[in-house]
Amino acid sequence: MRTVNVHEAKTHFSRLIDAAHAGETILLAKGGKPWARLMPLESPEPQRQPGILAGRLTLPSPESLLEPLPEEELAALELPLP
């Protein structure tokens, strides 16, 4: 958590609200004493990163996904849960 005095906050208010919107909590101080807290209204949504698993994940072929399950796996689906 960053602490900013009121004079600096007035000078850089736009930057501070952008930082708060990005998820940072800023403590505003007046006379060296904590006075207020500037923080985001909600937690920021995690940013999606397309292709982050490229080369790390191998999917089976579509044909193998459409094959029938073996008999023992089908039978296991009929068993009651423990």
PDB file of N, CA and C in Angstrom:
ATOM      1  N   MET A   1       0.854  -1.169   0.000  1.00  0.00           N
ATOM      2  CA  MET A   1       0.000   0.000   0.000  1.00  0.00           C
ATOM      3  C   MET A   1       0.905   1.238   0.000  1.00  0.00           C
ATOM      4  N   ARG A   2       0.628   2.135  -0.890  1.00  0.00           N
ATOM      5  CA  ARG A   2       1.407   3.360  -1.019  1.00  0.00           C
ATOM      6  C   ARG A   2       0.757   4.462  -0.192  1.00  0.00           C
ATOM      7  N   THR A   3       1.585   5.269   0.488  1.00  0.00           N
ATOM      8  CA  THR A   3       1.092   6.405   1.254  1.00  0.00           C
ATOM      9  C   THR A   3       1.454   7.692   0.532  1.00  0.00           C
ATOM     10  N   VAL A   4       0.464   8.578   0.355  1.00  0.00           N
ATOM     11  CA  VAL A   4       0.648   9.836  -0.372  1.00  0.00           C
ATOM     12  C   VAL A   4       0.060  10.953   0.480  1.00  0.00           C
ATOM     13  N   ASN A   5       0.792  12.068   0.599  1.00  0.00           N
ATOM     14  CA  ASN A   5       0.234  13.184   1.366  1.00  0.00           C
ATOM     15  C   ASN A   5      -0.787  13.934   0.509  1.00  0.00           C
ATOM     16  N   VAL A   6      -1.626  14.701   1.156  1.00  0.00           N
ATOM     17  CA  VAL A   6      -2.739  15.368   0.482  1.00  0.00           C
ATOM     18  C   VAL A   6      -2.252  16.313  -0.619  1.00  0.00           C
ATOM     19  N   HIS A   7      -1.191  17.056  -0.367  1.00  0.00           N
ATOM     20  CA  HIS A   7      -0.683  17.984  -1.376  1.00  0.00           C
ATOM     21  C   HIS A   7      -0.263  17.233  -2.640  1.00  0.00           C
ATOM     22  N   GLU A   8       0.470  16.134  -2.472  1.00  0.00           N
ATOM     23  CA  GLU A   8       0.884  15.334  -3.625  1.00  0.00           C
ATOM     24  C   GLU A   8      -0.336  14.716  -4.312  1.00  0.00           C
ATOM     25  N   ALA A   9      -1.333  14.307  -3.523  1.00  0.00           N
ATOM     26  CA  ALA A   9      -2.539  13.703  -4.090  1.00  0.00           C
ATOM     27  C   ALA A   9      -3.289  14.707  -4.960  1.00  0.00           C
ATOM     28  N   LYS A  10      -3.345  15.964  -4.537  1.00  0.00           N
ATOM     29  CA  LYS A  10      -4.018  16.977  -5.349  1.00  0.00           C
ATOM     30  C   LYS A  10      -3.275  17.185  -6.664  1.00  0.00           C
ATOM     31  N   THR A  11      -1.954  17.135  -6.607  1.00  0.00           N
ATOM     32  CA  THR A  11      -1.148  17.356  -7.804  1.00  0.00           C
ATOM     33  C   THR A  11      -1.262  16.198  -8.791  1.00  0.00           C
ATOM     34  N   HIS A  12      -1.321  14.963  -8.268  1.00  0.00           N
ATOM     35  CA  HIS A  12      -1.298  13.770  -9.125  1.00  0.00           C
ATOM     36  C   HIS A  12      -2.590  12.956  -9.015  1.00  0.00           C
ATOM     37  N   PHE A  13      -3.701  13.622  -8.788  1.00  0.00           N
ATOM     38  CA  PHE A  13      -4.966  12.920  -8.545  1.00  0.00           C
ATOM     39  C   PHE A  13      -5.341  11.972  -9.684  1.00  0.00           C
ATOM     40  N   SER A  14      -5.196  12.421 -10.917  1.00  0.00           N
ATOM     41  CA  SER A  14      -5.571  11.591 -12.063  1.00  0.00           C
ATOM     42  C   SER A  14      -4.760  10.296 -12.085  1.00  0.00           C
ATOM     43  N   ARG A  15      -3.467  10.383 -11.828  1.00  0.00           N
ATOM     44  CA  ARG A  15      -2.621   9.188 -11.798  1.00  0.00           C
ATOM     45  C   ARG A  15      -3.023   8.264 -10.651  1.00  0.00           C
ATOM     46  N   LEU A  16      -3.368   8.862  -9.511  1.00  0.00           N
ATOM     47  CA  LEU A  16      -3.731   8.052  -8.349  1.00  0.00           C
ATOM     48  C   LEU A  16      -5.037   7.291  -8.570  1.00  0.00           C
ATOM     49  N   ILE A  17      -6.017   7.940  -9.193  1.00  0.00           N
ATOM     50  CA  ILE A  17      -7.276   7.202  -9.423  1.00  0.00           C
ATOM     51  C   ILE A  17      -7.083   6.131 -10.492  1.00  0.00           C
ATOM     52  N   ASP A  18      -6.183   6.359 -11.447  1.00  0.00           N
ATOM     53  CA  ASP A  18      -5.872   5.300 -12.421  1.00  0.00           C
ATOM     54  C   ASP A  18      -5.208   4.116 -11.724  1.00  0.00           C
ATOM     55  N   ALA A  19      -4.300   4.397 -10.793  1.00  0.00           N
ATOM     56  CA  ALA A  19      -3.644   3.323 -10.037  1.00  0.00           C
ATOM     57  C   ALA A  19      -4.659   2.572  -9.183  1.00  0.00           C
ATOM     58  N   ALA A  20      -5.576   3.291  -8.564  1.00  0.00           N
ATOM     59  CA  ALA A  20      -6.609   2.643  -7.754  1.00  0.00           C
ATOM     60  C   ALA A  20      -7.521   1.792  -8.628  1.00  0.00           C
ATOM     61  N   HIS A  21      -7.864   2.285  -9.790  1.00  0.00           N
ATOM     62  CA  HIS A  21      -8.709   1.522 -10.715  1.00  0.00           C
ATOM     63  C   HIS A  21      -8.002   0.248 -11.167  1.00  0.00           C
ATOM     64  N   ALA A  22      -6.663   0.300 -11.248  1.00  0.00           N
ATOM     65  CA  ALA A  22      -5.881  -0.873 -11.650  1.00  0.00           C
ATOM     66  C   ALA A  22      -5.711  -1.873 -10.506  1.00  0.00           C
ATOM     67  N   GLY A  23      -6.211  -1.544  -9.296  1.00  0.00           N
ATOM     68  CA  GLY A  23      -6.180  -2.499  -8.203  1.00  0.00           C
ATOM     69  C   GLY A  23      -5.335  -2.084  -7.012  1.00  0.00           C
ATOM     70  N   GLU A  24      -4.635  -0.977  -7.110  1.00  0.00           N
ATOM     71  CA  GLU A  24      -3.778  -0.531  -6.013  1.00  0.00           C
ATOM     72  C   GLU A  24      -4.596   0.212  -4.948  1.00  0.00           C
ATOM     73  N   THR A  25      -4.216   0.043  -3.689  1.00  0.00           N
ATOM     74  CA  THR A  25      -4.823   0.796  -2.600  1.00  0.00           C
ATOM     75  C   THR A  25      -3.837   1.873  -2.172  1.00  0.00           C
ATOM     76  N   ILE A  26      -4.294   3.110  -2.069  1.00  0.00           N
ATOM     77  CA  ILE A  26      -3.433   4.246  -1.743  1.00  0.00           C
ATOM     78  C   ILE A  26      -3.957   4.882  -0.460  1.00  0.00           C
ATOM     79  N   LEU A  27      -3.061   5.037   0.501  1.00  0.00           N
ATOM     80  CA  LEU A  27      -3.402   5.655   1.767  1.00  0.00           C
ATOM     81  C   LEU A  27      -3.075   7.142   1.671  1.00  0.00           C
ATOM     82  N   LEU A  28      -4.070   7.988   1.911  1.00  0.00           N
ATOM     83  CA  LEU A  28      -3.871   9.436   1.880  1.00  0.00           C
ATOM     84  C   LEU A  28      -3.595   9.910   3.295  1.00  0.00           C
ATOM     85  N   ALA A  29      -2.534  10.716   3.435  1.00  0.00           N
ATOM     86  CA  ALA A  29      -2.131  11.199   4.755  1.00  0.00           C
ATOM     87  C   ALA A  29      -2.245  12.711   4.807  1.00  0.00           C
ATOM     88  N   LYS A  30      -2.641  13.214   5.968  1.00  0.00           N
ATOM     89  CA  LYS A  30      -2.735  14.653   6.191  1.00  0.00           C
ATOM     90  C   LYS A  30      -1.966  14.947   7.471  1.00  0.00           C
ATOM     91  N   GLY A  31      -0.947  15.779   7.350  1.00  0.00           N
ATOM     92  CA  GLY A  31      -0.116  16.066   8.514  1.00  0.00           C
ATOM     93  C   GLY A  31       0.640  14.845   8.991  1.00  0.00           C
ATOM     94  N   GLY A  32       0.962  13.922   8.065  1.00  0.00           N
ATOM     95  CA  GLY A  32       1.706  12.716   8.424  1.00  0.00           C
ATOM     96  C   GLY A  32       0.868  11.622   9.044  1.00  0.00           C
ATOM     97  N   LYS A  33      -0.436  11.838   9.187  1.00  0.00           N
ATOM     98  CA  LYS A  33      -1.316  10.840   9.790  1.00  0.00           C
ATOM     99  C   LYS A  33      -2.266  10.285   8.721  1.00  0.00           C
ATOM    100  N   PRO A  34      -2.525   8.989   8.753  1.00  0.00           N
ATOM    101  CA  PRO A  34      -3.474   8.408   7.801  1.00  0.00           C
ATOM    102  C   PRO A  34      -4.816   9.126   7.894  1.00  0.00           C
ATOM    103  N   TRP A  35      -5.378   9.491   6.745  1.00  0.00           N
ATOM    104  CA  TRP A  35      -6.595  10.291   6.716  1.00  0.00           C
ATOM    105  C   TRP A  35      -7.712   9.612   5.921  1.00  0.00           C
ATOM    106  N   ALA A  36      -7.331   9.009   4.798  1.00  0.00           N
ATOM    107  CA  ALA A  36      -8.340   8.368   3.940  1.00  0.00           C
ATOM    108  C   ALA A  36      -7.661   7.290   3.108  1.00  0.00           C
ATOM    109  N   ARG A  37      -8.479   6.457   2.480  1.00  0.00           N
ATOM    110  CA  ARG A  37      -7.965   5.378   1.646  1.00  0.00           C
ATOM    111  C   ARG A  37      -8.617   5.471   0.271  1.00  0.00           C
ATOM    112  N   LEU A  38      -7.792   5.423  -0.760  1.00  0.00           N
ATOM    113  CA  LEU A  38      -8.263   5.424  -2.145  1.00  0.00           C
ATOM    114  C   LEU A  38      -8.051   4.013  -2.674  1.00  0.00           C
ATOM    115  N   MET A  39      -9.154   3.366  -3.046  1.00  0.00           N
ATOM    116  CA  MET A  39      -9.063   1.970  -3.471  1.00  0.00           C
ATOM    117  C   MET A  39     -10.084   1.682  -4.560  1.00  0.00           C
ATOM    118  N   PRO A  40      -9.895   0.591  -5.305  1.00  0.00           N
ATOM    119  CA  PRO A  40     -10.839   0.274  -6.373  1.00  0.00           C
ATOM    120  C   PRO A  40     -12.199  -0.136  -5.806  1.00  0.00           C
ATOM    121  N   LEU A  41     -13.237   0.095  -6.582  1.00  0.00           N
ATOM    122  CA  LEU A  41     -14.574  -0.319  -6.157  1.00  0.00           C
ATOM    123  C   LEU A  41     -14.716  -1.830  -6.173  1.00  0.00           C
ATOM    124  N   GLU A  42     -14.134  -2.462  -7.165  1.00  0.00           N
ATOM    125  CA  GLU A  42     -14.219  -3.912  -7.317  1.00  0.00           C
ATOM    126  C   GLU A  42     -12.847  -4.446  -7.656  1.00  0.00           C
ATOM    127  N   SER A  43     -12.673  -5.736  -7.428  1.00  0.00           N
ATOM    128  CA  SER A  43     -11.425  -6.365  -7.841  1.00  0.00           C
ATOM    129  C   SER A  43     -11.356  -6.360  -9.356  1.00  0.00           C
ATOM    130  N   PRO A  44     -10.181  -6.072  -9.920  1.00  0.00           N
ATOM    131  CA  PRO A  44     -10.084  -6.061 -11.367  1.00  0.00           C
ATOM    132  C   PRO A  44     -10.282  -7.461 -11.939  1.00  0.00           C
ATOM    133  N   GLU A  45     -10.928  -7.518 -13.082  1.00  0.00           N
ATOM    134  CA  GLU A  45     -11.122  -8.787 -13.769  1.00  0.00           C
ATOM    135  C   GLU A  45      -9.768  -9.292 -14.259  1.00  0.00           C
ATOM    136  N   PRO A  46      -9.496 -10.585 -14.080  1.00  0.00           N
ATOM    137  CA  PRO A  46      -8.236 -11.096 -14.619  1.00  0.00           C
ATOM    138  C   PRO A  46      -8.219 -10.954 -16.138  1.00  0.00           C
ATOM    139  N   GLN A  47      -7.102 -10.532 -16.657  1.00  0.00           N
ATOM    140  CA  GLN A  47      -6.982 -10.332 -18.095  1.00  0.00           C
ATOM    141  C   GLN A  47      -6.734 -11.669 -18.783  1.00  0.00           C
ATOM    142  N   ARG A  48      -7.485 -11.952 -19.835  1.00  0.00           N
ATOM    143  CA  ARG A  48      -7.284 -13.162 -20.620  1.00  0.00           C
ATOM    144  C   ARG A  48      -6.033 -13.000 -21.461  1.00  0.00           C
ATOM    145  N   GLN A  49      -5.301 -14.062 -21.611  1.00  0.00           N
ATOM    146  CA  GLN A  49      -4.100 -14.054 -22.419  1.00  0.00           C
ATOM    147  C   GLN A  49      -4.207 -15.163 -23.454  1.00  0.00           C
ATOM    148  N   PRO A  50      -4.747 -14.850 -24.627  1.00  0.00           N
ATOM    149  CA  PRO A  50      -4.887 -15.879 -25.654  1.00  0.00           C
ATOM    150  C   PRO A  50      -3.530 -16.490 -25.998  1.00  0.00           C
ATOM    151  N   GLY A  51      -3.528 -17.803 -26.124  1.00  0.00           N
ATOM    152  CA  GLY A  51      -2.311 -18.504 -26.527  1.00  0.00           C
ATOM    153  C   GLY A  51      -1.351 -18.790 -25.403  1.00  0.00           C
ATOM    154  N   ILE A  52      -1.744 -18.571 -24.146  1.00  0.00           N
ATOM    155  CA  ILE A  52      -0.810 -18.765 -23.034  1.00  0.00           C
ATOM    156  C   ILE A  52      -0.401 -20.236 -22.895  1.00  0.00           C
ATOM    157  N   LEU A  53      -1.246 -21.164 -23.315  1.00  0.00           N
ATOM    158  CA  LEU A  53      -0.926 -22.588 -23.223  1.00  0.00           C
ATOM    159  C   LEU A  53      -0.398 -23.169 -24.533  1.00  0.00           C
ATOM    160  N   ALA A  54      -0.137 -22.320 -25.502  1.00  0.00           N
ATOM    161  CA  ALA A  54       0.364 -22.813 -26.794  1.00  0.00           C
ATOM    162  C   ALA A  54       1.659 -23.585 -26.589  1.00  0.00           C
ATOM    163  N   GLY A  55       1.696 -24.805 -27.106  1.00  0.00           N
ATOM    164  CA  GLY A  55       2.880 -25.640 -26.979  1.00  0.00           C
ATOM    165  C   GLY A  55       2.967 -26.402 -25.675  1.00  0.00           C
ATOM    166  N   ARG A  56       2.113 -26.129 -24.710  1.00  0.00           N
ATOM    167  CA  ARG A  56       2.141 -26.819 -23.415  1.00  0.00           C
ATOM    168  C   ARG A  56       1.059 -27.886 -23.301  1.00  0.00           C
ATOM    169  N   LEU A  57       0.072 -27.787 -24.139  1.00  0.00           N
ATOM    170  CA  LEU A  57      -1.092 -28.648 -24.021  1.00  0.00           C
ATOM    171  C   LEU A  57      -1.327 -29.353 -25.346  1.00  0.00           C
ATOM    172  N   THR A  58      -1.483 -30.665 -25.278  1.00  0.00           N
ATOM    173  CA  THR A  58      -1.771 -31.439 -26.484  1.00  0.00           C
ATOM    174  C   THR A  58      -3.157 -32.041 -26.341  1.00  0.00           C
ATOM    175  N   LEU A  59      -4.041 -31.713 -27.255  1.00  0.00           N
ATOM    176  CA  LEU A  59      -5.399 -32.247 -27.227  1.00  0.00           C
ATOM    177  C   LEU A  59      -5.474 -33.513 -28.067  1.00  0.00           C
ATOM    178  N   PRO A  60      -6.329 -34.453 -27.655  1.00  0.00           N
ATOM    179  CA  PRO A  60      -6.497 -35.652 -28.468  1.00  0.00           C
ATOM    180  C   PRO A  60      -7.200 -35.305 -29.781  1.00  0.00           C
ATOM    181  N   SER A  61      -7.066 -36.200 -30.732  1.00  0.00           N
ATOM    182  CA  SER A  61      -7.708 -35.961 -32.028  1.00  0.00           C
ATOM    183  C   SER A  61      -9.224 -36.026 -31.864  1.00  0.00           C
ATOM    184  N   PRO A  62      -9.958 -35.302 -32.700  1.00  0.00           N
ATOM    185  CA  PRO A  62     -11.427 -35.348 -32.610  1.00  0.00           C
ATOM    186  C   PRO A  62     -11.977 -36.761 -32.785  1.00  0.00           C
ATOM    187  N   GLU A  63     -11.323 -37.573 -33.614  1.00  0.00           N
ATOM    188  CA  GLU A  63     -11.804 -38.945 -33.836  1.00  0.00           C
ATOM    189  C   GLU A  63     -11.746 -39.752 -32.546  1.00  0.00           C
ATOM    190  N   SER A  64     -10.672 -39.589 -31.756  1.00  0.00           N
ATOM    191  CA  SER A  64     -10.560 -40.363 -30.514  1.00  0.00           C
ATOM    192  C   SER A  64     -11.589 -39.897 -29.477  1.00  0.00           C
ATOM    193  N   LEU A  65     -11.985 -38.631 -29.539  1.00  0.00           N
ATOM    194  CA  LEU A  65     -13.007 -38.148 -28.607  1.00  0.00           C
ATOM    195  C   LEU A  65     -14.387 -38.718 -28.923  1.00  0.00           C
ATOM    196  N   LEU A  66     -14.601 -39.095 -30.166  1.00  0.00           N
ATOM    197  CA  LEU A  66     -15.904 -39.614 -30.575  1.00  0.00           C
ATOM    198  C   LEU A  66     -16.007 -41.130 -30.460  1.00  0.00           C
ATOM    199  N   GLU A  67     -14.915 -41.801 -30.115  1.00  0.00           N
ATOM    200  CA  GLU A  67     -14.944 -43.261 -29.961  1.00  0.00           C
ATOM    201  C   GLU A  67     -15.755 -43.627 -28.716  1.00  0.00           C
ATOM    202  N   PRO A  68     -16.425 -44.785 -28.734  1.00  0.00           N
ATOM    203  CA  PRO A  68     -17.189 -45.216 -27.557  1.00  0.00           C
ATOM    204  C   PRO A  68     -16.243 -45.500 -26.377  1.00  0.00           C
ATOM    205  N   LEU A  69     -16.748 -45.303 -25.165  1.00  0.00           N
ATOM    206  CA  LEU A  69     -15.964 -45.588 -23.967  1.00  0.00           C
ATOM    207  C   LEU A  69     -15.818 -47.096 -23.787  1.00  0.00           C
ATOM    208  N   PRO A  70     -14.703 -47.527 -23.186  1.00  0.00           N
ATOM    209  CA  PRO A  70     -14.567 -48.960 -22.883  1.00  0.00           C
ATOM    210  C   PRO A  70     -15.649 -49.402 -21.887  1.00  0.00           C
ATOM    211  N   GLU A  71     -15.967 -50.687 -21.910  1.00  0.00           N
ATOM    212  CA  GLU A  71     -17.036 -51.233 -21.067  1.00  0.00           C
ATOM    213  C   GLU A  71     -16.801 -50.958 -19.574  1.00  0.00           C
ATOM    214  N   GLU A  72     -15.545 -51.071 -19.103  1.00  0.00           N
ATOM    215  CA  GLU A  72     -15.284 -50.857 -17.673  1.00  0.00           C
ATOM    216  C   GLU A  72     -15.540 -49.403 -17.269  1.00  0.00           C
ATOM    217  N   GLU A  73     -15.280 -48.452 -18.146  1.00  0.00           N
ATOM    218  CA  GLU A  73     -15.569 -47.049 -17.829  1.00  0.00           C
ATOM    219  C   GLU A  73     -17.069 -46.790 -17.823  1.00  0.00           C
ATOM    220  N   LEU A  74     -17.791 -47.398 -18.756  1.00  0.00           N
ATOM    221  CA  LEU A  74     -19.251 -47.263 -18.771  1.00  0.00           C
ATOM    222  C   LEU A  74     -19.854 -47.857 -17.502  1.00  0.00           C
ATOM    223  N   ALA A  75     -19.333 -49.003 -17.070  1.00  0.00           N
ATOM    224  CA  ALA A  75     -19.844 -49.646 -15.856  1.00  0.00           C
ATOM    225  C   ALA A  75     -19.547 -48.778 -14.631  1.00  0.00           C
ATOM    226  N   ALA A  76     -18.380 -48.120 -14.605  1.00  0.00           N
ATOM    227  CA  ALA A  76     -18.024 -47.267 -13.468  1.00  0.00           C
ATOM    228  C   ALA A  76     -18.960 -46.078 -13.350  1.00  0.00           C
ATOM    229  N   LEU A  77     -19.515 -45.608 -14.454  1.00  0.00           N
ATOM    230  CA  LEU A  77     -20.450 -44.490 -14.411  1.00  0.00           C
ATOM    231  C   LEU A  77     -21.765 -44.863 -13.730  1.00  0.00           C
ATOM    232  N   GLU A  78     -22.094 -46.152 -13.727  1.00  0.00           N
ATOM    233  CA  GLU A  78     -23.337 -46.612 -13.120  1.00  0.00           C
ATOM    234  C   GLU A  78     -23.217 -46.841 -11.614  1.00  0.00           C
ATOM    235  N   LEU A  79     -21.988 -46.861 -11.081  1.00  0.00           N
ATOM    236  CA  LEU A  79     -21.788 -47.130  -9.660  1.00  0.00           C
ATOM    237  C   LEU A  79     -22.253 -45.929  -8.834  1.00  0.00           C
ATOM    238  N   PRO A  80     -22.794 -46.166  -7.615  1.00  0.00           N
ATOM    239  CA  PRO A  80     -23.199 -45.049  -6.758  1.00  0.00           C
ATOM    240  C   PRO A  80     -21.947 -44.315  -6.243  1.00  0.00           C
ATOM    241  N   LEU A  81     -22.117 -43.039  -5.947  1.00  0.00           N
ATOM    242  CA  LEU A  81     -21.016 -42.240  -5.410  1.00  0.00           C
ATOM    243  C   LEU A  81     -20.758 -42.668  -3.968  1.00  0.00           C
ATOM    244  N   PRO A  82     -19.479 -42.647  -3.526  1.00  0.00           N
ATOM    245  CA  PRO A  82     -19.180 -43.045  -2.140  1.00  0.00           C
ATOM    246  C   PRO A  82     -19.662 -42.032  -1.129  1.00  0.00           C
TER     247      PRO A  82
END
